[in-house]
Each structure stands twice: as structure tokens, then as C-alpha cells.
Amino acid sequence: MLVEDDQRIGPLVVSALREHGHDASWSVTGADAIEVARSTTLDLVLLDLGLPDIDGIDVCRVLRAEQPDVVIIMLTARGEDMDVITGLESGADDYVTKPFGMTVMQARVRAHLRRLPDAVDLEVLRSGDLEIQPGARRCTIGGVEVPLRAKQFELLERLARDLGRTVSRERLMADVWDENWFGSTKTLDVHVATLRQRLAAVAAKAAAAAGRPLVLPRVATVRGVGYQLEPGEPPAGEPWAGRPQPRS
């Protein structure tokens, strides 16, 4: 779904999407977009932040609440870092700054849709009390589910696949966002920060429920390089499951 009030841009974007085989709809107002989201399952939303009725940031929050798994790409003429960060923290997965070329927009859409799950498999990534099921797109800590947005989940999964090894910023942007990404990578830092918050909040609940300390990896910053998922230390005498294991 495209959410855009500009009568010149809207038809061009929708036409370009349909020419590439996408089932695209167009909403002119935030209220209309919210109504559509409450009645239709969406894969991806291109959301203009400068809407005439409701601020795009508020629309983003509602869309995320209505459809937790939808990919939201902000279309913004706001160039300030804080505006972009606010949008990402409100639930957006990515952003494109206006004016943008159709080729760039199509590439970004393809990159996100390509990562939508096709089927559920039985692979499980475990690290201490953290368990990730890529096929089901589930993450749990001590059996308690962690509510992660699409990009937060993909970022954690990517780091978990290189447990204990540093993954560069460029590699993370290419693998989680777009191999042709250019420009600022502030979206990565925002997603790392919110991922840490989600993991910490659920870990506290899970530890209280279990009545014991949990063994958890840590998302560490490697300054000037990238990020690393550092394994935690297992309790004495217990095996360490740091690599992908089959489900029993």
C-alpha cells in the first residue's frame, strides 16, 4: 500500500509497482490507510510522513500496532536525523528521502519483499536461554516470546548466525536491508538500540519467572567496525549451544 497525498507522485509510484507485478493500492490520507490496514493483510507500506490529516509518525505507530509483521518504508522530505530516528523508533523498518528515483524505490521494495518468509522450517538458533526460529520468525528468552519487528528479528538472526564474530556495518546493511544501500546507516544504530531494549525487557521477565539467572548473549558494539553477538557464560556443568541445532 502506498500512502501519499501528492496527486502527481501517487499515480506514478502505483503504476511503477504494478508494472513490476505488485498488487498495489493507494491511500491519500492517514485515516484511509488505517482503515485499509484494519481490513486487509499487507506485506509492505510506503508511507509519506507529510499527510494532510494525520502526522505520518502517528500513522506509522497505528499501522505497526495493527499489523506487527508488515514492512513500513517511510517516504520523507524531512532530512533531519531526529525526524528519521523518530520514524524508525515509531515502527518503520526503512526510509527513502524525497525526491527519489523509481529505480531506487523499486530496489528497496524488492529487497524487503525478498526477505518475507515463504515457508516455516525447523531450524533453531540457540545461545544460552535465547532461542531463534528463523522459519517461524519467533524469538524466545527462557521460553518467553520476544515481540520483535521484522528488521529487529532479521538483525538478531544475522548476528546469531555469526555468534561470537564481528559483523561489519556494511555487511549488516547489505544482508538485512539492501545490498545496494547507500547513504547514512543511522537506521542500523536505531534498530540495534531498540533490539537491545526489547531483549532486556523480556529477559528480566523471563528471569523472574524462572527464578534463576539467565544465560544470554549480548549485542556488543565493535567501534569503527560493526556489531557482534557475544555469547554469555553457561552455568558450570551445562552444555553450551552456540550453533544452530535441530529441533527435537
C-alpha atoms as a PDB file:
ATOM      1  CA  MET A   1       0.000   0.000   0.000  1.00  0.00           C
ATOM      2  CA  LEU A   2       1.184   3.494  -0.892  1.00  0.00           C
ATOM      3  CA  VAL A   3       0.115   6.273   1.497  1.00  0.00           C
ATOM      4  CA  GLU A   4       0.755   9.545  -0.325  1.00  0.00           C
ATOM      5  CA  ASP A   5      -1.361  12.690  -0.799  1.00  0.00           C
ATOM      6  CA  ASP A   6       0.624  14.127  -3.723  1.00  0.00           C
ATOM      7  CA  GLN A   7      -1.563  13.656  -6.811  1.00  0.00           C
ATOM      8  CA  ARG A   8       1.478  13.697  -9.080  1.00  0.00           C
ATOM      9  CA  ILE A   9       3.635  11.206  -7.202  1.00  0.00           C
ATOM     10  CA  GLY A  10       0.877   8.753  -6.218  1.00  0.00           C
ATOM     11  CA  PRO A  11      -0.156   7.531  -9.697  1.00  0.00           C
ATOM     12  CA  LEU A  12       3.471   7.246 -10.816  1.00  0.00           C
ATOM     13  CA  VAL A  13       4.509   5.096  -7.861  1.00  0.00           C
ATOM     14  CA  VAL A  14       1.433   2.846  -8.033  1.00  0.00           C
ATOM     15  CA  SER A  15       1.873   2.412 -11.778  1.00  0.00           C
ATOM     16  CA  ALA A  16       5.547   1.507 -11.341  1.00  0.00           C
ATOM     17  CA  LEU A  17       4.722  -1.024  -8.638  1.00  0.00           C
ATOM     18  CA  ARG A  18       2.023  -2.679 -10.722  1.00  0.00           C
ATOM     19  CA  GLU A  19       4.293  -2.840 -13.763  1.00  0.00           C
ATOM     20  CA  HIS A  20       6.686  -4.900 -11.638  1.00  0.00           C
ATOM     21  CA  GLY A  21       3.962  -7.352 -10.646  1.00  0.00           C
ATOM     22  CA  HIS A  22       2.956  -5.955  -7.259  1.00  0.00           C
ATOM     23  CA  ASP A  23      -0.670  -5.776  -6.109  1.00  0.00           C
ATOM     24  CA  ALA A  24      -0.559  -2.115  -5.145  1.00  0.00           C
ATOM     25  CA  SER A  25      -3.218   0.108  -3.591  1.00  0.00           C
ATOM     26  CA  TRP A  26      -3.126   3.853  -2.933  1.00  0.00           C
ATOM     27  CA  SER A  27      -4.388   5.727   0.123  1.00  0.00           C
ATOM     28  CA  VAL A  28      -4.402   9.527   0.072  1.00  0.00           C
ATOM     29  CA  THR A  29      -4.923  10.125   3.815  1.00  0.00           C
ATOM     30  CA  GLY A  30      -3.724   8.610   7.034  1.00  0.00           C
ATOM     31  CA  ALA A  31      -7.281   7.773   8.079  1.00  0.00           C
ATOM     32  CA  ASP A  32      -7.860   5.815   4.875  1.00  0.00           C
ATOM     33  CA  ALA A  33      -4.567   3.935   5.323  1.00  0.00           C
ATOM     34  CA  ILE A  34      -5.519   2.923   8.862  1.00  0.00           C
ATOM     35  CA  GLU A  35      -8.936   1.721   7.663  1.00  0.00           C
ATOM     36  CA  VAL A  36      -7.289  -0.410   4.963  1.00  0.00           C
ATOM     37  CA  ALA A  37      -4.817  -1.865   7.460  1.00  0.00           C
ATOM     38  CA  ARG A  38      -7.685  -2.929   9.712  1.00  0.00           C
ATOM     39  CA  SER A  39      -9.352  -4.918   6.943  1.00  0.00           C
ATOM     40  CA  THR A  40      -6.549  -6.099   4.650  1.00  0.00           C
ATOM     41  CA  THR A  41      -3.357  -8.042   5.314  1.00  0.00           C
ATOM     42  CA  LEU A  42      -0.439  -6.047   3.936  1.00  0.00           C
ATOM     43  CA  ASP A  43       3.110  -7.090   3.102  1.00  0.00           C
ATOM     44  CA  LEU A  44       4.623  -3.628   2.720  1.00  0.00           C
ATOM     45  CA  VAL A  45       3.604   0.025   3.162  1.00  0.00           C
ATOM     46  CA  LEU A  46       5.241   3.031   1.517  1.00  0.00           C
ATOM     47  CA  LEU A  47       4.264   5.787   3.950  1.00  0.00           C
ATOM     48  CA  ASP A  48       4.630   9.512   3.298  1.00  0.00           C
ATOM     49  CA  LEU A  49       5.176  11.375   6.570  1.00  0.00           C
ATOM     50  CA  GLY A  50       3.668  14.671   5.372  1.00  0.00           C
ATOM     51  CA  LEU A  51      -0.012  13.687   5.209  1.00  0.00           C
ATOM     52  CA  PRO A  52      -2.840  16.256   5.271  1.00  0.00           C
ATOM     53  CA  ASP A  53      -4.907  14.774   8.101  1.00  0.00           C
ATOM     54  CA  ILE A  54      -2.699  12.772  10.472  1.00  0.00           C
ATOM     55  CA  ASP A  55       1.032  13.074  11.023  1.00  0.00           C
ATOM     56  CA  GLY A  56       2.811  10.195   9.299  1.00  0.00           C
ATOM     57  CA  ILE A  57       4.629   9.265  12.518  1.00  0.00           C
ATOM     58  CA  ASP A  58       1.286   8.665  14.232  1.00  0.00           C
ATOM     59  CA  VAL A  59       0.020   6.678  11.247  1.00  0.00           C
ATOM     60  CA  CYS A  60       3.177   4.570  11.443  1.00  0.00           C
ATOM     61  CA  ARG A  61       2.516   3.735  15.097  1.00  0.00           C
ATOM     62  CA  VAL A  62      -1.056   2.657  14.343  1.00  0.00           C
ATOM     63  CA  LEU A  63      -0.049   0.560  11.317  1.00  0.00           C
ATOM     64  CA  ARG A  64       2.614  -1.192  13.382  1.00  0.00           C
ATOM     65  CA  ALA A  65       0.100  -1.947  16.131  1.00  0.00           C
ATOM     66  CA  GLU A  66      -2.484  -3.241  13.635  1.00  0.00           C
ATOM     67  CA  GLN A  67      -0.041  -5.361  11.623  1.00  0.00           C
ATOM     68  CA  PRO A  68       3.153  -6.152  13.566  1.00  0.00           C
ATOM     69  CA  ASP A  69       4.779  -8.020  10.657  1.00  0.00           C
ATOM     70  CA  VAL A  70       4.191  -5.502   7.866  1.00  0.00           C
ATOM     71  CA  VAL A  71       7.251  -3.793   6.375  1.00  0.00           C
ATOM     72  CA  ILE A  72       6.964   0.008   6.618  1.00  0.00           C
ATOM     73  CA  ILE A  73       9.159   2.229   4.451  1.00  0.00           C
ATOM     74  CA  MET A  74       8.902   5.949   5.184  1.00  0.00           C
ATOM     75  CA  LEU A  75       8.876   8.406   2.300  1.00  0.00           C
ATOM     76  CA  THR A  76      10.154  11.615   3.781  1.00  0.00           C
ATOM     77  CA  ALA A  77      11.299  15.048   2.683  1.00  0.00           C
ATOM     78  CA  ARG A  78      12.448  15.636   6.243  1.00  0.00           C
ATOM     79  CA  GLY A  79      16.205  15.488   6.139  1.00  0.00           C
ATOM     80  CA  GLU A  80      16.935  15.966   9.835  1.00  0.00           C
ATOM     81  CA  ASP A  81      18.433  12.975  11.619  1.00  0.00           C
ATOM     82  CA  MET A  82      15.994  13.283  14.518  1.00  0.00           C
ATOM     83  CA  ASP A  83      12.977  13.063  12.198  1.00  0.00           C
ATOM     84  CA  VAL A  84      14.300   9.854  10.667  1.00  0.00           C
ATOM     85  CA  ILE A  85      15.192   8.386  14.054  1.00  0.00           C
ATOM     86  CA  THR A  86      11.728   9.246  15.416  1.00  0.00           C
ATOM     87  CA  GLY A  87      10.138   7.485  12.447  1.00  0.00           C
ATOM     88  CA  LEU A  88      12.254   4.371  12.899  1.00  0.00           C
ATOM     89  CA  GLU A  89      11.522   4.266  16.614  1.00  0.00           C
ATOM     90  CA  SER A  90       7.804   4.601  15.825  1.00  0.00           C
ATOM     91  CA  GLY A  91       7.834   1.335  13.912  1.00  0.00           C
ATOM     92  CA  ALA A  92       9.259   1.981  10.454  1.00  0.00           C
ATOM     93  CA  ASP A  93      11.754  -0.505   9.018  1.00  0.00           C
ATOM     94  CA  ASP A  94      13.410   1.756   6.481  1.00  0.00           C
ATOM     95  CA  TYR A  95      13.193   5.170   4.827  1.00  0.00           C
ATOM     96  CA  VAL A  96      13.638   6.796   1.425  1.00  0.00           C
ATOM     97  CA  THR A  97      14.288  10.536   1.219  1.00  0.00           C
ATOM     98  CA  LYS A  98      12.402  12.612  -1.349  1.00  0.00           C
ATOM     99  CA  PRO A  99      12.998  13.239  -4.128  1.00  0.00           C
ATOM    100  CA  PHE A 100      13.746   9.616  -5.020  1.00  0.00           C
ATOM    101  CA  GLY A 101      14.133   7.771  -8.302  1.00  0.00           C
ATOM    102  CA  MET A 102      11.776   4.937  -9.199  1.00  0.00           C
ATOM    103  CA  THR A 103      14.743   2.596  -9.647  1.00  0.00           C
ATOM    104  CA  VAL A 104      15.875   3.208  -6.069  1.00  0.00           C
ATOM    105  CA  MET A 105      12.356   2.813  -4.731  1.00  0.00           C
ATOM    106  CA  GLN A 106      11.795  -0.450  -6.642  1.00  0.00           C
ATOM    107  CA  ALA A 107      15.125  -1.857  -5.467  1.00  0.00           C
ATOM    108  CA  ARG A 108      14.283  -1.090  -1.849  1.00  0.00           C
ATOM    109  CA  VAL A 109      10.831  -2.685  -2.178  1.00  0.00           C
ATOM    110  CA  ARG A 110      12.279  -5.815  -3.803  1.00  0.00           C
ATOM    111  CA  ALA A 111      14.922  -6.140  -1.104  1.00  0.00           C
ATOM    112  CA  HIS A 112      12.325  -6.075   1.669  1.00  0.00           C
ATOM    113  CA  LEU A 113       9.797  -8.354  -0.030  1.00  0.00           C
ATOM    114  CA  ARG A 114      12.508 -10.860  -0.878  1.00  0.00           C
ATOM    115  CA  ARG A 115      13.064 -11.401   2.833  1.00  0.00           C
ATOM    116  CA  LEU A 116       9.445 -12.191   3.670  1.00  0.00           C
ATOM    117  CA  PRO A 117       9.124 -15.833   4.826  1.00  0.00           C
ATOM    118  CA  ASP A 118       7.916 -18.341   2.219  1.00  0.00           C
ATOM    119  CA  ALA A 119       7.661 -21.375   4.449  1.00  0.00           C
ATOM    120  CA  VAL A 120       8.289 -22.495   8.008  1.00  0.00           C
ATOM    121  CA  ASP A 121      11.331 -24.726   8.542  1.00  0.00           C
ATOM    122  CA  LEU A 122      12.576 -26.415  11.703  1.00  0.00           C
ATOM    123  CA  GLU A 123      15.950 -24.692  12.079  1.00  0.00           C
ATOM    124  CA  VAL A 124      16.634 -23.290  15.535  1.00  0.00           C
ATOM    125  CA  LEU A 125      19.477 -20.988  16.594  1.00  0.00           C
ATOM    126  CA  ARG A 126      20.250 -21.247  20.312  1.00  0.00           C
ATOM    127  CA  SER A 127      22.609 -19.326  22.513  1.00  0.00           C
ATOM    128  CA  GLY A 128      22.090 -19.981  26.192  1.00  0.00           C
ATOM    129  CA  ASP A 129      18.481 -19.110  27.036  1.00  0.00           C
ATOM    130  CA  LEU A 130      17.974 -17.268  23.756  1.00  0.00           C
ATOM    131  CA  GLU A 131      16.247 -19.270  21.008  1.00  0.00           C
ATOM    132  CA  ILE A 132      15.566 -18.065  17.465  1.00  0.00           C
ATOM    133  CA  GLN A 133      13.326 -19.925  14.992  1.00  0.00           C
ATOM    134  CA  PRO A 134      14.019 -18.303  11.590  1.00  0.00           C
ATOM    135  CA  GLY A 135      11.277 -20.164   9.708  1.00  0.00           C
ATOM    136  CA  ALA A 136       8.574 -19.260  12.206  1.00  0.00           C
ATOM    137  CA  ARG A 137      10.147 -15.849  12.824  1.00  0.00           C
ATOM    138  CA  ARG A 138       9.956 -16.384  16.579  1.00  0.00           C
ATOM    139  CA  CYS A 139      12.416 -15.427  19.279  1.00  0.00           C
ATOM    140  CA  THR A 140      12.158 -16.536  22.900  1.00  0.00           C
ATOM    141  CA  ILE A 141      14.162 -16.000  26.073  1.00  0.00           C
ATOM    142  CA  GLY A 142      13.691 -18.721  28.645  1.00  0.00           C
ATOM    143  CA  GLY A 143      10.513 -19.731  26.824  1.00  0.00           C
ATOM    144  CA  VAL A 144       9.076 -16.181  26.905  1.00  0.00           C
ATOM    145  CA  GLU A 145       8.417 -14.759  23.450  1.00  0.00           C
ATOM    146  CA  VAL A 146      10.218 -11.558  22.457  1.00  0.00           C
ATOM    147  CA  PRO A 147       7.995  -9.240  20.354  1.00  0.00           C
ATOM    148  CA  LEU A 148      10.318  -8.136  17.572  1.00  0.00           C
ATOM    149  CA  ARG A 149       9.562  -6.138  14.460  1.00  0.00           C
ATOM    150  CA  ALA A 150      10.661  -7.577  11.120  1.00  0.00           C
ATOM    151  CA  LYS A 151      14.010  -5.794  10.877  1.00  0.00           C
ATOM    152  CA  GLN A 152      14.806  -6.289  14.561  1.00  0.00           C
ATOM    153  CA  PHE A 153      14.297 -10.028  14.098  1.00  0.00           C
ATOM    154  CA  GLU A 154      16.360 -10.169  10.900  1.00  0.00           C
ATOM    155  CA  LEU A 155      19.166  -8.192  12.527  1.00  0.00           C
ATOM    156  CA  LEU A 156      19.278 -10.523  15.536  1.00  0.00           C
ATOM    157  CA  GLU A 157      19.158 -13.601  13.308  1.00  0.00           C
ATOM    158  CA  ARG A 158      22.022 -12.274  11.162  1.00  0.00           C
ATOM    159  CA  LEU A 159      24.186 -11.619  14.213  1.00  0.00           C
ATOM    160  CA  ALA A 160      23.297 -15.028  15.676  1.00  0.00           C
ATOM    161  CA  ARG A 161      24.495 -16.775  12.527  1.00  0.00           C
ATOM    162  CA  ASP A 162      27.952 -15.309  13.240  1.00  0.00           C
ATOM    163  CA  LEU A 163      27.802 -15.799  17.003  1.00  0.00           C
ATOM    164  CA  GLY A 164      30.976 -14.511  18.613  1.00  0.00           C
ATOM    165  CA  ARG A 165      32.226 -12.890  15.411  1.00  0.00           C
ATOM    166  CA  THR A 166      32.088  -9.226  14.455  1.00  0.00           C
ATOM    167  CA  VAL A 167      29.818  -8.357  11.518  1.00  0.00           C
ATOM    168  CA  SER A 168      30.654  -5.102   9.782  1.00  0.00           C
ATOM    169  CA  ARG A 169      28.135  -2.299   9.404  1.00  0.00           C
ATOM    170  CA  GLU A 170      28.329  -2.655   5.632  1.00  0.00           C
ATOM    171  CA  ARG A 171      27.621  -6.394   5.789  1.00  0.00           C
ATOM    172  CA  LEU A 172      24.653  -5.892   8.111  1.00  0.00           C
ATOM    173  CA  MET A 173      23.185  -3.190   5.886  1.00  0.00           C
ATOM    174  CA  ALA A 174      23.605  -5.405   2.820  1.00  0.00           C
ATOM    175  CA  ASP A 175      22.187  -8.559   4.408  1.00  0.00           C
ATOM    176  CA  VAL A 176      19.361  -7.076   6.492  1.00  0.00           C
ATOM    177  CA  TRP A 177      18.399  -4.056   4.405  1.00  0.00           C
ATOM    178  CA  ASP A 178      19.672  -3.738   0.844  1.00  0.00           C
ATOM    179  CA  GLU A 179      22.871  -4.827  -0.880  1.00  0.00           C
ATOM    180  CA  ASN A 180      22.711  -1.582  -2.891  1.00  0.00           C
ATOM    181  CA  TRP A 181      22.247   0.616   0.198  1.00  0.00           C
ATOM    182  CA  PHE A 182      23.900   3.993   0.057  1.00  0.00           C
ATOM    183  CA  GLY A 183      23.968   6.984   2.353  1.00  0.00           C
ATOM    184  CA  SER A 184      23.523   7.103   6.132  1.00  0.00           C
ATOM    185  CA  THR A 185      23.376   3.897   8.172  1.00  0.00           C
ATOM    186  CA  LYS A 186      21.718   5.501  11.203  1.00  0.00           C
ATOM    187  CA  THR A 187      18.808   3.082  10.732  1.00  0.00           C
ATOM    188  CA  LEU A 188      21.162   0.275  11.839  1.00  0.00           C
ATOM    189  CA  ASP A 189      22.065   2.034  15.088  1.00  0.00           C
ATOM    190  CA  VAL A 190      18.422   2.759  15.902  1.00  0.00           C
ATOM    191  CA  HIS A 191      17.452  -0.873  15.314  1.00  0.00           C
ATOM    192  CA  VAL A 192      20.328  -2.123  17.471  1.00  0.00           C
ATOM    193  CA  ALA A 193      19.247   0.194  20.295  1.00  0.00           C
ATOM    194  CA  THR A 194      15.603  -0.899  20.168  1.00  0.00           C
ATOM    195  CA  LEU A 195      16.629  -4.563  19.821  1.00  0.00           C
ATOM    196  CA  ARG A 196      18.687  -4.308  22.992  1.00  0.00           C
ATOM    197  CA  GLN A 197      15.735  -2.728  24.809  1.00  0.00           C
ATOM    198  CA  ARG A 198      13.335  -5.489  23.738  1.00  0.00           C
ATOM    199  CA  LEU A 199      15.750  -8.256  24.725  1.00  0.00           C
ATOM    200  CA  ALA A 200      16.497  -6.671  28.111  1.00  0.00           C
ATOM    201  CA  ALA A 201      12.819  -6.169  28.959  1.00  0.00           C
ATOM    202  CA  VAL A 202      11.867  -9.771  28.168  1.00  0.00           C
ATOM    203  CA  ALA A 203      14.997 -11.165  29.839  1.00  0.00           C
ATOM    204  CA  ALA A 204      14.009  -9.503  33.109  1.00  0.00           C
ATOM    205  CA  LYS A 205      10.522 -11.049  32.956  1.00  0.00           C
ATOM    206  CA  ALA A 206      11.857 -14.468  31.978  1.00  0.00           C
ATOM    207  CA  ALA A 207      14.444 -14.488  34.778  1.00  0.00           C
ATOM    208  CA  ALA A 208      11.788 -13.577  37.343  1.00  0.00           C
ATOM    209  CA  ALA A 209       9.508 -16.349  36.071  1.00  0.00           C
ATOM    210  CA  ALA A 210      12.303 -18.922  36.040  1.00  0.00           C
ATOM    211  CA  GLY A 211      13.652 -17.919  39.444  1.00  0.00           C
ATOM    212  CA  ARG A 212      17.236 -18.118  38.213  1.00  0.00           C
ATOM    213  CA  PRO A 213      19.789 -16.049  36.325  1.00  0.00           C
ATOM    214  CA  LEU A 214      19.579 -16.480  32.559  1.00  0.00           C
ATOM    215  CA  VAL A 215      22.431 -17.128  30.175  1.00  0.00           C
ATOM    216  CA  LEU A 216      22.125 -14.617  27.355  1.00  0.00           C
ATOM    217  CA  PRO A 217      24.327 -13.342  24.547  1.00  0.00           C
ATOM    218  CA  ARG A 218      24.927  -9.598  24.317  1.00  0.00           C
ATOM    219  CA  VAL A 219      24.738  -7.308  21.283  1.00  0.00           C
ATOM    220  CA  ALA A 220      28.097  -5.572  21.551  1.00  0.00           C
ATOM    221  CA  THR A 221      29.361  -2.569  19.610  1.00  0.00           C
ATOM    222  CA  VAL A 222      32.749  -3.000  17.956  1.00  0.00           C
ATOM    223  CA  ARG A 223      33.703   0.625  17.450  1.00  0.00           C
ATOM    224  CA  GLY A 224      34.628   1.605  13.946  1.00  0.00           C
ATOM    225  CA  VAL A 225      33.699  -1.839  12.583  1.00  0.00           C
ATOM    226  CA  GLY A 226      30.201  -3.081  13.394  1.00  0.00           C
ATOM    227  CA  TYR A 227      28.388  -5.288  15.903  1.00  0.00           C
ATOM    228  CA  GLN A 228      28.816  -8.704  17.471  1.00  0.00           C
ATOM    229  CA  LEU A 229      26.524 -11.088  19.326  1.00  0.00           C
ATOM    230  CA  GLU A 230      28.747 -12.113  22.230  1.00  0.00           C
ATOM    231  CA  PRO A 231      27.972 -15.494  23.834  1.00  0.00           C
ATOM    232  CA  GLY A 232      27.193 -15.483  27.531  1.00  0.00           C
ATOM    233  CA  GLU A 233      28.799 -17.866  30.001  1.00  0.00           C
ATOM    234  CA  PRO A 234      26.800 -21.067  30.654  1.00  0.00           C
ATOM    235  CA  PRO A 235      26.315 -22.322  34.211  1.00  0.00           C
ATOM    236  CA  ALA A 236      29.001 -24.771  35.311  1.00  0.00           C
ATOM    237  CA  GLY A 237      28.427 -28.314  34.049  1.00  0.00           C
ATOM    238  CA  GLU A 238      25.829 -27.397  31.420  1.00  0.00           C
ATOM    239  CA  PRO A 239      26.463 -27.775  27.664  1.00  0.00           C
ATOM    240  CA  TRP A 240      26.747 -24.647  25.542  1.00  0.00           C
ATOM    241  CA  ALA A 241      24.567 -24.484  22.453  1.00  0.00           C
ATOM    242  CA  GLY A 242      26.163 -21.738  20.429  1.00  0.00           C
ATOM    243  CA  ARG A 243      25.477 -23.102  16.943  1.00  0.00           C
ATOM    244  CA  PRO A 244      22.278 -23.936  15.043  1.00  0.00           C
ATOM    245  CA  GLN A 245      20.760 -27.158  16.334  1.00  0.00           C
ATOM    246  CA  PRO A 246      17.903 -29.327  15.018  1.00  0.00           C
ATOM    247  CA  ARG A 247      14.684 -29.274  16.967  1.00  0.00           C
ATOM    248  CA  SER A 248      13.933 -32.467  18.862  1.00  0.00           C
END
